[in-house]
């Protein structure tokens, strides 16, 4: 079975980002890396990613709004 890989999309402009994405699945699932980091003890995140607190603190704690149409 072929597995899909995680990907990241970054809006570098100053307006809403709109893009088409097609799924083979019959339902939409969103995974927010930021929310996962926010729910993991900071000491574990810093140790695993080899980052300091100053690098970890600016990471958003809420998932961006993604609306499937």
C-alpha atoms as a PDB file:
ATOM      1  CA  UNK A   1       0.000   0.000   0.000  1.00  0.00           C
ATOM      2  CA  UNK A   2       1.350   3.421  -0.970  1.00  0.00           C
ATOM      3  CA  UNK A   3       1.248   6.013   1.791  1.00  0.00           C
ATOM      4  CA  UNK A   4       0.922   9.728   1.330  1.00  0.00           C
ATOM      5  CA  UNK A   5       3.551  12.040   2.760  1.00  0.00           C
ATOM      6  CA  UNK A   6       3.019  15.076   4.968  1.00  0.00           C
ATOM      7  CA  UNK A   7       3.391  18.422   3.269  1.00  0.00           C
ATOM      8  CA  UNK A   8       3.451  22.067   4.226  1.00  0.00           C
ATOM      9  CA  UNK A   9       1.959  25.034   2.421  1.00  0.00           C
ATOM     10  CA  UNK A  10       3.053  28.552   3.338  1.00  0.00           C
ATOM     11  CA  UNK A  11       1.292  31.721   2.301  1.00  0.00           C
ATOM     12  CA  UNK A  12       4.043  34.258   1.652  1.00  0.00           C
ATOM     13  CA  UNK A  13       1.631  36.945   0.405  1.00  0.00           C
ATOM     14  CA  UNK A  14      -0.713  39.298   2.189  1.00  0.00           C
ATOM     15  CA  UNK A  15      -4.037  37.902   0.948  1.00  0.00           C
ATOM     16  CA  UNK A  16      -5.905  34.640   1.576  1.00  0.00           C
ATOM     17  CA  UNK A  17      -4.289  31.567   0.066  1.00  0.00           C
ATOM     18  CA  UNK A  18      -6.630  29.486  -2.086  1.00  0.00           C
ATOM     19  CA  UNK A  19      -5.480  26.257  -3.715  1.00  0.00           C
ATOM     20  CA  UNK A  20      -7.137  23.066  -4.954  1.00  0.00           C
ATOM     21  CA  UNK A  21      -6.199  19.812  -3.293  1.00  0.00           C
ATOM     22  CA  UNK A  22      -7.596  16.410  -4.171  1.00  0.00           C
ATOM     23  CA  UNK A  23      -7.900  13.511  -1.748  1.00  0.00           C
ATOM     24  CA  UNK A  24      -8.285   9.836  -2.453  1.00  0.00           C
ATOM     25  CA  UNK A  25     -10.131   9.433   0.840  1.00  0.00           C
ATOM     26  CA  UNK A  26     -13.851   9.981   1.287  1.00  0.00           C
ATOM     27  CA  UNK A  27     -13.330  12.412   4.195  1.00  0.00           C
ATOM     28  CA  UNK A  28     -11.095  15.371   5.014  1.00  0.00           C
ATOM     29  CA  UNK A  29      -8.633  15.172   7.902  1.00  0.00           C
ATOM     30  CA  UNK A  30      -6.399  18.023   8.979  1.00  0.00           C
ATOM     31  CA  UNK A  31      -3.220  17.606  10.988  1.00  0.00           C
ATOM     32  CA  UNK A  32      -1.720  20.755  12.473  1.00  0.00           C
ATOM     33  CA  UNK A  33       1.916  20.466  13.450  1.00  0.00           C
ATOM     34  CA  UNK A  34       1.573  23.661  15.507  1.00  0.00           C
ATOM     35  CA  UNK A  35      -1.270  22.213  17.593  1.00  0.00           C
ATOM     36  CA  UNK A  36       0.675  18.981  18.078  1.00  0.00           C
ATOM     37  CA  UNK A  37       3.662  21.002  19.332  1.00  0.00           C
ATOM     38  CA  UNK A  38       1.412  23.043  21.635  1.00  0.00           C
ATOM     39  CA  UNK A  39       0.008  19.882  23.247  1.00  0.00           C
ATOM     40  CA  UNK A  40       3.412  18.267  23.773  1.00  0.00           C
ATOM     41  CA  UNK A  41       5.447  19.217  26.855  1.00  0.00           C
ATOM     42  CA  UNK A  42       7.900  21.945  25.767  1.00  0.00           C
ATOM     43  CA  UNK A  43      10.873  20.116  27.255  1.00  0.00           C
ATOM     44  CA  UNK A  44      10.207  17.127  24.982  1.00  0.00           C
ATOM     45  CA  UNK A  45       9.775  19.298  21.883  1.00  0.00           C
ATOM     46  CA  UNK A  46      12.989  21.227  22.568  1.00  0.00           C
ATOM     47  CA  UNK A  47      14.966  18.038  23.220  1.00  0.00           C
ATOM     48  CA  UNK A  48      13.616  16.164  20.187  1.00  0.00           C
ATOM     49  CA  UNK A  49      13.957  19.053  17.717  1.00  0.00           C
ATOM     50  CA  UNK A  50      17.203  20.357  19.279  1.00  0.00           C
ATOM     51  CA  UNK A  51      15.825  23.880  19.653  1.00  0.00           C
ATOM     52  CA  UNK A  52      15.805  26.368  22.503  1.00  0.00           C
ATOM     53  CA  UNK A  53      12.869  28.094  24.196  1.00  0.00           C
ATOM     54  CA  UNK A  54      13.352  31.274  22.125  1.00  0.00           C
ATOM     55  CA  UNK A  55      12.827  29.232  18.943  1.00  0.00           C
ATOM     56  CA  UNK A  56       9.835  27.320  20.321  1.00  0.00           C
ATOM     57  CA  UNK A  57       7.880  30.277  21.768  1.00  0.00           C
ATOM     58  CA  UNK A  58       6.930  32.057  18.486  1.00  0.00           C
ATOM     59  CA  UNK A  59       5.379  28.913  16.967  1.00  0.00           C
ATOM     60  CA  UNK A  60       1.599  29.470  16.690  1.00  0.00           C
ATOM     61  CA  UNK A  61      -0.496  27.473  19.161  1.00  0.00           C
ATOM     62  CA  UNK A  62      -3.660  27.439  17.033  1.00  0.00           C
ATOM     63  CA  UNK A  63      -4.216  25.703  13.715  1.00  0.00           C
ATOM     64  CA  UNK A  64      -4.760  27.911  10.683  1.00  0.00           C
ATOM     65  CA  UNK A  65      -8.252  27.930   9.246  1.00  0.00           C
ATOM     66  CA  UNK A  66      -8.482  25.408   6.408  1.00  0.00           C
ATOM     67  CA  UNK A  67     -11.899  25.076   4.821  1.00  0.00           C
ATOM     68  CA  UNK A  68     -12.521  22.295   2.309  1.00  0.00           C
ATOM     69  CA  UNK A  69     -15.022  23.213  -0.362  1.00  0.00           C
END
